[in-house]
Each structure stands twice: as C-alpha cells, then as structure tokens.
PDB file of N, CA and C in Angstrom:
ATOM      1  N   MET A   1     -20.810   8.116  -1.147  1.00  0.00           N
ATOM      2  CA  MET A   1     -20.292   6.857  -1.631  1.00  0.00           C
ATOM      3  C   MET A   1     -19.521   6.202  -0.494  1.00  0.00           C
ATOM      4  N   ARG A   2     -19.758   4.952  -0.298  1.00  0.00           N
ATOM      5  CA  ARG A   2     -19.116   4.181   0.772  1.00  0.00           C
ATOM      6  C   ARG A   2     -18.023   3.294   0.176  1.00  0.00           C
ATOM      7  N   ILE A   3     -16.841   3.363   0.766  1.00  0.00           N
ATOM      8  CA  ILE A   3     -15.720   2.508   0.378  1.00  0.00           C
ATOM      9  C   ILE A   3     -15.475   1.542   1.546  1.00  0.00           C
ATOM     10  N   THR A   4     -15.705   0.267   1.322  1.00  0.00           N
ATOM     11  CA  THR A   4     -15.492  -0.741   2.356  1.00  0.00           C
ATOM     12  C   THR A   4     -14.045  -1.209   2.291  1.00  0.00           C
ATOM     13  N   ILE A   5     -13.389  -1.194   3.430  1.00  0.00           N
ATOM     14  CA  ILE A   5     -11.986  -1.587   3.540  1.00  0.00           C
ATOM     15  C   ILE A   5     -11.912  -3.018   4.034  1.00  0.00           C
ATOM     16  N   GLN A   6     -11.154  -3.846   3.330  1.00  0.00           N
ATOM     17  CA  GLN A   6     -10.958  -5.230   3.728  1.00  0.00           C
ATOM     18  C   GLN A   6      -9.727  -5.313   4.626  1.00  0.00           C
ATOM     19  N   PRO A   7      -9.850  -5.918   5.805  1.00  0.00           N
ATOM     20  CA  PRO A   7      -8.668  -6.042   6.665  1.00  0.00           C
ATOM     21  C   PRO A   7      -7.627  -6.940   6.012  1.00  0.00           C
ATOM     22  N   PRO A   8      -6.348  -6.716   6.314  1.00  0.00           N
ATOM     23  CA  PRO A   8      -5.317  -7.577   5.729  1.00  0.00           C
ATOM     24  C   PRO A   8      -5.472  -8.999   6.236  1.00  0.00           C
ATOM     25  N   GLY A   9      -5.349  -9.966   5.350  1.00  0.00           N
ATOM     26  CA  GLY A   9      -5.515 -11.368   5.728  1.00  0.00           C
ATOM     27  C   GLY A   9      -6.984 -11.711   5.896  1.00  0.00           C
ATOM     28  N   ALA A  10      -7.285 -12.989   5.809  1.00  0.00           N
ATOM     29  CA  ALA A  10      -8.671 -13.446   5.872  1.00  0.00           C
ATOM     30  C   ALA A  10      -9.280 -13.248   7.256  1.00  0.00           C
ATOM     31  N   ALA A  11      -8.486 -13.406   8.284  1.00  0.00           N
ATOM     32  CA  ALA A  11      -9.011 -13.316   9.651  1.00  0.00           C
ATOM     33  C   ALA A  11      -8.303 -12.204  10.410  1.00  0.00           C
ATOM     34  N   GLY A  12      -8.332 -10.998   9.877  1.00  0.00           N
ATOM     35  CA  GLY A  12      -7.665  -9.874  10.514  1.00  0.00           C
ATOM     36  C   GLY A  12      -8.261  -9.560  11.878  1.00  0.00           C
ATOM     37  N   THR A  13      -7.420  -9.156  12.803  1.00  0.00           N
ATOM     38  CA  THR A  13      -7.894  -8.780  14.131  1.00  0.00           C
ATOM     39  C   THR A  13      -8.498  -7.383  14.083  1.00  0.00           C
ATOM     40  N   GLU A  14      -9.159  -6.993  15.162  1.00  0.00           N
ATOM     41  CA  GLU A  14      -9.729  -5.649  15.222  1.00  0.00           C
ATOM     42  C   GLU A  14      -8.633  -4.597  15.117  1.00  0.00           C
ATOM     43  N   LEU A  15      -7.504  -4.851  15.749  1.00  0.00           N
ATOM     44  CA  LEU A  15      -6.392  -3.908  15.687  1.00  0.00           C
ATOM     45  C   LEU A  15      -5.881  -3.770  14.255  1.00  0.00           C
ATOM     46  N   GLN A  16      -5.749  -4.873  13.540  1.00  0.00           N
ATOM     47  CA  GLN A  16      -5.303  -4.820  12.142  1.00  0.00           C
ATOM     48  C   GLN A  16      -6.309  -4.052  11.292  1.00  0.00           C
ATOM     49  N   ALA A  17      -7.592  -4.292  11.543  1.00  0.00           N
ATOM     50  CA  ALA A  17      -8.631  -3.605  10.778  1.00  0.00           C
ATOM     51  C   ALA A  17      -8.588  -2.104  11.058  1.00  0.00           C
ATOM     52  N   ASP A  18      -8.431  -1.730  12.326  1.00  0.00           N
ATOM     53  CA  ASP A  18      -8.346  -0.308  12.670  1.00  0.00           C
ATOM     54  C   ASP A  18      -7.116   0.349  12.054  1.00  0.00           C
ATOM     55  N   ASN A  19      -6.004  -0.352  12.060  1.00  0.00           N
ATOM     56  CA  ASN A  19      -4.779   0.174  11.446  1.00  0.00           C
ATOM     57  C   ASN A  19      -4.960   0.348   9.940  1.00  0.00           C
ATOM     58  N   GLU A  20      -5.629  -0.604   9.310  1.00  0.00           N
ATOM     59  CA  GLU A  20      -5.858  -0.517   7.860  1.00  0.00           C
ATOM     60  C   GLU A  20      -6.774   0.667   7.546  1.00  0.00           C
ATOM     61  N   LEU A  21      -7.756   0.901   8.400  1.00  0.00           N
ATOM     62  CA  LEU A  21      -8.657   2.033   8.210  1.00  0.00           C
ATOM     63  C   LEU A  21      -7.891   3.350   8.333  1.00  0.00           C
ATOM     64  N   ARG A  22      -7.047   3.469   9.345  1.00  0.00           N
ATOM     65  CA  ARG A  22      -6.233   4.686   9.507  1.00  0.00           C
ATOM     66  C   ARG A  22      -5.310   4.883   8.313  1.00  0.00           C
ATOM     67  N   ARG A  23      -4.722   3.804   7.852  1.00  0.00           N
ATOM     68  CA  ARG A  23      -3.826   3.887   6.695  1.00  0.00           C
ATOM     69  C   ARG A  23      -4.605   4.332   5.454  1.00  0.00           C
ATOM     70  N   ALA A  24      -5.820   3.806   5.279  1.00  0.00           N
ATOM     71  CA  ALA A  24      -6.654   4.179   4.134  1.00  0.00           C
ATOM     72  C   ALA A  24      -7.012   5.660   4.181  1.00  0.00           C
ATOM     73  N   PHE A  25      -7.349   6.171   5.368  1.00  0.00           N
ATOM     74  CA  PHE A  25      -7.625   7.600   5.494  1.00  0.00           C
ATOM     75  C   PHE A  25      -6.407   8.415   5.078  1.00  0.00           C
ATOM     76  N   GLY A  26      -5.231   7.988   5.491  1.00  0.00           N
ATOM     77  CA  GLY A  26      -4.001   8.687   5.129  1.00  0.00           C
ATOM     78  C   GLY A  26      -3.753   8.696   3.636  1.00  0.00           C
ATOM     79  N   VAL A  27      -3.999   7.557   2.989  1.00  0.00           N
ATOM     80  CA  VAL A  27      -3.814   7.451   1.538  1.00  0.00           C
ATOM     81  C   VAL A  27      -4.772   8.393   0.822  1.00  0.00           C
ATOM     82  N   LEU A  28      -6.037   8.392   1.234  1.00  0.00           N
ATOM     83  CA  LEU A  28      -7.027   9.249   0.577  1.00  0.00           C
ATOM     84  C   LEU A  28      -6.712  10.723   0.803  1.00  0.00           C
ATOM     85  N   ARG A  29      -6.300  11.065   2.010  1.00  0.00           N
ATOM     86  CA  ARG A  29      -5.921  12.452   2.305  1.00  0.00           C
ATOM     87  C   ARG A  29      -4.749  12.867   1.421  1.00  0.00           C
ATOM     88  N   GLY A  30      -3.758  11.985   1.286  1.00  0.00           N
ATOM     89  CA  GLY A  30      -2.600  12.270   0.447  1.00  0.00           C
ATOM     90  C   GLY A  30      -2.947  12.418  -1.022  1.00  0.00           C
ATOM     91  N   ALA A  31      -4.014  11.743  -1.454  1.00  0.00           N
ATOM     92  CA  ALA A  31      -4.465  11.832  -2.843  1.00  0.00           C
ATOM     93  C   ALA A  31      -5.424  12.999  -3.059  1.00  0.00           C
ATOM     94  N   GLY A  32      -5.703  13.767  -2.001  1.00  0.00           N
ATOM     95  CA  GLY A  32      -6.587  14.914  -2.135  1.00  0.00           C
ATOM     96  C   GLY A  32      -8.058  14.559  -2.242  1.00  0.00           C
ATOM     97  N   ILE A  33      -8.431  13.388  -1.757  1.00  0.00           N
ATOM     98  CA  ILE A  33      -9.827  12.940  -1.827  1.00  0.00           C
ATOM     99  C   ILE A  33     -10.501  13.245  -0.492  1.00  0.00           C
ATOM    100  N   LEU A  34     -11.588  13.993  -0.551  1.00  0.00           N
ATOM    101  CA  LEU A  34     -12.302  14.402   0.650  1.00  0.00           C
ATOM    102  C   LEU A  34     -13.224  13.299   1.158  1.00  0.00           C
ATOM    103  N   THR A  35     -13.294  13.161   2.480  1.00  0.00           N
ATOM    104  CA  THR A  35     -14.172  12.174   3.101  1.00  0.00           C
ATOM    105  C   THR A  35     -15.104  12.874   4.083  1.00  0.00           C
ATOM    106  N   ARG A  36     -16.214  12.194   4.383  1.00  0.00           N
ATOM    107  CA  ARG A  36     -17.152  12.698   5.379  1.00  0.00           C
ATOM    108  C   ARG A  36     -16.966  11.979   6.708  1.00  0.00           C
ATOM    109  N   GLY A  37     -16.195  10.920   6.708  1.00  0.00           N
ATOM    110  CA  GLY A  37     -15.976  10.154   7.934  1.00  0.00           C
ATOM    111  C   GLY A  37     -15.847   8.684   7.613  1.00  0.00           C
ATOM    112  N   GLY A  38     -15.947   7.896   8.646  1.00  0.00           N
ATOM    113  CA  GLY A  38     -15.849   6.457   8.475  1.00  0.00           C
ATOM    114  C   GLY A  38     -15.580   5.786   9.801  1.00  0.00           C
ATOM    115  N   GLY A  39     -15.427   4.496   9.764  1.00  0.00           N
ATOM    116  CA  GLY A  39     -15.156   3.739  10.974  1.00  0.00           C
ATOM    117  C   GLY A  39     -15.728   2.350  10.888  1.00  0.00           C
ATOM    118  N   ARG A  40     -16.000   1.783  12.058  1.00  0.00           N
ATOM    119  CA  ARG A  40     -16.571   0.443  12.161  1.00  0.00           C
ATOM    120  C   ARG A  40     -18.089   0.590  12.246  1.00  0.00           C
ATOM    121  N   PHE A  41     -18.809  -0.155  11.434  1.00  0.00           N
ATOM    122  CA  PHE A  41     -20.255  -0.030  11.355  1.00  0.00           C
ATOM    123  C   PHE A  41     -20.945  -1.210  12.033  1.00  0.00           C
ATOM    124  N   ALA A  42     -22.253  -1.115  12.216  1.00  0.00           N
ATOM    125  CA  ALA A  42     -23.028  -2.125  12.933  1.00  0.00           C
ATOM    126  C   ALA A  42     -22.931  -3.513  12.306  1.00  0.00           C
ATOM    127  N   ASP A  43     -22.697  -3.569  11.005  1.00  0.00           N
ATOM    128  CA  ASP A  43     -22.576  -4.879  10.345  1.00  0.00           C
ATOM    129  C   ASP A  43     -21.151  -5.437  10.421  1.00  0.00           C
ATOM    130  N   SER A  44     -20.311  -4.864  11.290  1.00  0.00           N
ATOM    131  CA  SER A  44     -18.915  -5.266  11.526  1.00  0.00           C
ATOM    132  C   SER A  44     -17.972  -4.909  10.387  1.00  0.00           C
ATOM    133  N   SER A  45     -18.459  -4.164   9.410  1.00  0.00           N
ATOM    134  CA  SER A  45     -17.586  -3.735   8.323  1.00  0.00           C
ATOM    135  C   SER A  45     -16.836  -2.477   8.745  1.00  0.00           C
ATOM    136  N   ILE A  46     -15.744  -2.211   8.045  1.00  0.00           N
ATOM    137  CA  ILE A  46     -15.046  -0.944   8.229  1.00  0.00           C
ATOM    138  C   ILE A  46     -15.109  -0.221   6.887  1.00  0.00           C
ATOM    139  N   ALA A  47     -15.432   1.060   6.944  1.00  0.00           N
ATOM    140  CA  ALA A  47     -15.651   1.787   5.697  1.00  0.00           C
ATOM    141  C   ALA A  47     -15.350   3.264   5.871  1.00  0.00           C
ATOM    142  N   ILE A  48     -15.154   3.892   4.730  1.00  0.00           N
ATOM    143  CA  ILE A  48     -14.953   5.329   4.646  1.00  0.00           C
ATOM    144  C   ILE A  48     -16.049   5.876   3.746  1.00  0.00           C
ATOM    145  N   ILE A  49     -16.626   6.990   4.167  1.00  0.00           N
ATOM    146  CA  ILE A  49     -17.656   7.645   3.370  1.00  0.00           C
ATOM    147  C   ILE A  49     -17.007   8.816   2.638  1.00  0.00           C
ATOM    148  N   LEU A  50     -17.055   8.777   1.313  1.00  0.00           N
ATOM    149  CA  LEU A  50     -16.475   9.844   0.502  1.00  0.00           C
ATOM    150  C   LEU A  50     -17.416  11.039   0.436  1.00  0.00           C
ATOM    151  N   SER A  51     -16.850  12.222   0.340  1.00  0.00           N
ATOM    152  CA  SER A  51     -17.653  13.436   0.212  1.00  0.00           C
ATOM    153  C   SER A  51     -18.331  13.523  -1.147  1.00  0.00           C
ATOM    154  N   HIS A  52     -17.657  13.040  -2.189  1.00  0.00           N
ATOM    155  CA  HIS A  52     -18.178  13.151  -3.548  1.00  0.00           C
ATOM    156  C   HIS A  52     -18.173  11.784  -4.222  1.00  0.00           C
ATOM    157  N   GLU A  53     -19.309  11.415  -4.781  1.00  0.00           N
ATOM    158  CA  GLU A  53     -19.443  10.134  -5.462  1.00  0.00           C
ATOM    159  C   GLU A  53     -18.457  10.006  -6.626  1.00  0.00           C
ATOM    160  N   THR A  54     -18.141  11.111  -7.263  1.00  0.00           N
ATOM    161  CA  THR A  54     -17.229  11.087  -8.416  1.00  0.00           C
ATOM    162  C   THR A  54     -15.799  10.721  -8.018  1.00  0.00           C
ATOM    163  N   ASP A  55     -15.498  10.730  -6.732  1.00  0.00           N
ATOM    164  CA  ASP A  55     -14.155  10.363  -6.259  1.00  0.00           C
ATOM    165  C   ASP A  55     -13.978   8.866  -6.053  1.00  0.00           C
ATOM    166  N   ALA A  56     -15.011   8.074  -6.297  1.00  0.00           N
ATOM    167  CA  ALA A  56     -14.941   6.639  -6.020  1.00  0.00           C
ATOM    168  C   ALA A  56     -13.809   5.956  -6.794  1.00  0.00           C
ATOM    169  N   GLN A  57     -13.749   6.150  -8.085  1.00  0.00           N
ATOM    170  CA  GLN A  57     -12.719   5.470  -8.880  1.00  0.00           C
ATOM    171  C   GLN A  57     -11.310   5.940  -8.524  1.00  0.00           C
ATOM    172  N   PRO A  58     -11.057   7.252  -8.407  1.00  0.00           N
ATOM    173  CA  PRO A  58      -9.727   7.680  -7.974  1.00  0.00           C
ATOM    174  C   PRO A  58      -9.370   7.163  -6.576  1.00  0.00           C
ATOM    175  N   ALA A  59     -10.362   7.079  -5.688  1.00  0.00           N
ATOM    176  CA  ALA A  59     -10.109   6.570  -4.336  1.00  0.00           C
ATOM    177  C   ALA A  59      -9.717   5.101  -4.388  1.00  0.00           C
ATOM    178  N   LEU A  60     -10.456   4.318  -5.149  1.00  0.00           N
ATOM    179  CA  LEU A  60     -10.126   2.894  -5.267  1.00  0.00           C
ATOM    180  C   LEU A  60      -8.749   2.691  -5.889  1.00  0.00           C
ATOM    181  N   ALA A  61      -8.414   3.512  -6.875  1.00  0.00           N
ATOM    182  CA  ALA A  61      -7.103   3.414  -7.515  1.00  0.00           C
ATOM    183  C   ALA A  61      -5.987   3.751  -6.532  1.00  0.00           C
ATOM    184  N   ALA A  62      -6.176   4.802  -5.739  1.00  0.00           N
ATOM    185  CA  ALA A  62      -5.162   5.194  -4.752  1.00  0.00           C
ATOM    186  C   ALA A  62      -4.989   4.115  -3.693  1.00  0.00           C
ATOM    187  N   LEU A  63      -6.107   3.543  -3.237  1.00  0.00           N
ATOM    188  CA  LEU A  63      -6.034   2.498  -2.221  1.00  0.00           C
ATOM    189  C   LEU A  63      -5.366   1.240  -2.782  1.00  0.00           C
ATOM    190  N   LYS A  64      -5.702   0.892  -4.013  1.00  0.00           N
ATOM    191  CA  LYS A  64      -5.084  -0.288  -4.643  1.00  0.00           C
ATOM    192  C   LYS A  64      -3.580  -0.094  -4.760  1.00  0.00           C
ATOM    193  N   GLU A  65      -3.168   1.084  -5.182  1.00  0.00           N
ATOM    194  CA  GLU A  65      -1.730   1.385  -5.320  1.00  0.00           C
ATOM    195  C   GLU A  65      -1.004   1.258  -3.980  1.00  0.00           C
ATOM    196  N   ALA A  66      -1.707   1.561  -2.893  1.00  0.00           N
ATOM    197  CA  ALA A  66      -1.130   1.460  -1.555  1.00  0.00           C
ATOM    198  C   ALA A  66      -1.214   0.037  -0.982  1.00  0.00           C
ATOM    199  N   GLY A  67      -1.840  -0.861  -1.747  1.00  0.00           N
ATOM    200  CA  GLY A  67      -1.966  -2.249  -1.282  1.00  0.00           C
ATOM    201  C   GLY A  67      -3.123  -2.488  -0.328  1.00  0.00           C
ATOM    202  N   ILE A  68      -4.100  -1.607  -0.362  1.00  0.00           N
ATOM    203  CA  ILE A  68      -5.278  -1.738   0.495  1.00  0.00           C
ATOM    204  C   ILE A  68      -6.438  -2.267  -0.336  1.00  0.00           C
ATOM    205  N   GLN A  69      -7.011  -3.363   0.120  1.00  0.00           N
ATOM    206  CA  GLN A  69      -8.156  -3.946  -0.589  1.00  0.00           C
ATOM    207  C   GLN A  69      -9.426  -3.200  -0.189  1.00  0.00           C
ATOM    208  N   ALA A  70     -10.159  -2.719  -1.201  1.00  0.00           N
ATOM    209  CA  ALA A  70     -11.361  -1.932  -0.930  1.00  0.00           C
ATOM    210  C   ALA A  70     -12.393  -2.155  -2.035  1.00  0.00           C
ATOM    211  N   LEU A  71     -13.656  -1.942  -1.661  1.00  0.00           N
ATOM    212  CA  LEU A  71     -14.769  -2.060  -2.598  1.00  0.00           C
ATOM    213  C   LEU A  71     -15.662  -0.840  -2.453  1.00  0.00           C
ATOM    214  N   ALA A  72     -16.195  -0.347  -3.559  1.00  0.00           N
ATOM    215  CA  ALA A  72     -17.141   0.764  -3.522  1.00  0.00           C
ATOM    216  C   ALA A  72     -18.558   0.213  -3.490  1.00  0.00           C
ATOM    217  N   SER A  73     -19.403   0.843  -2.696  1.00  0.00           N
ATOM    218  CA  SER A  73     -20.810   0.434  -2.664  1.00  0.00           C
ATOM    219  C   SER A  73     -21.702   1.630  -2.464  1.00  0.00           C
TER     220      SER A  73
END
C-alpha cells in the first residue's frame, strides 16, 4: 500500500517535502506501523510504502493526528 505525502503548503520546496517525509516515517515508526521504504518517485511525488495493506487506515489516522496530509493509493 502506498501512502502519498503532501508537502506543507501548496508550493512546498524540495527541502520541506523531504522534511515532511522524514517526519512521516517517524510518526509511523512511533505508531508501530511497518514500512518497506519510500522516498521521492519518478512522478515527483513523495510516498511511503507500507508493509501491510491493513495498516493503511491506522497509518492515515496517525499521520492526520500529527498534522501530515496524506492519501492512500
């Protein structure tokens, strides 16, 4: 399951996007949600790949609570 992370603000810089990705990894790790990896992809999106599809809803909830905008796909 892929979780796409939205950078803060409409026109976030690459540094802001990278920081948001690192923060999202930290939130998921703290919530006990396993990931397979993530980063910046060819379509310019930033995303995290979850180890288990069943973790999508808990992951989105944890990210929302932390103020990180994310979408599951």
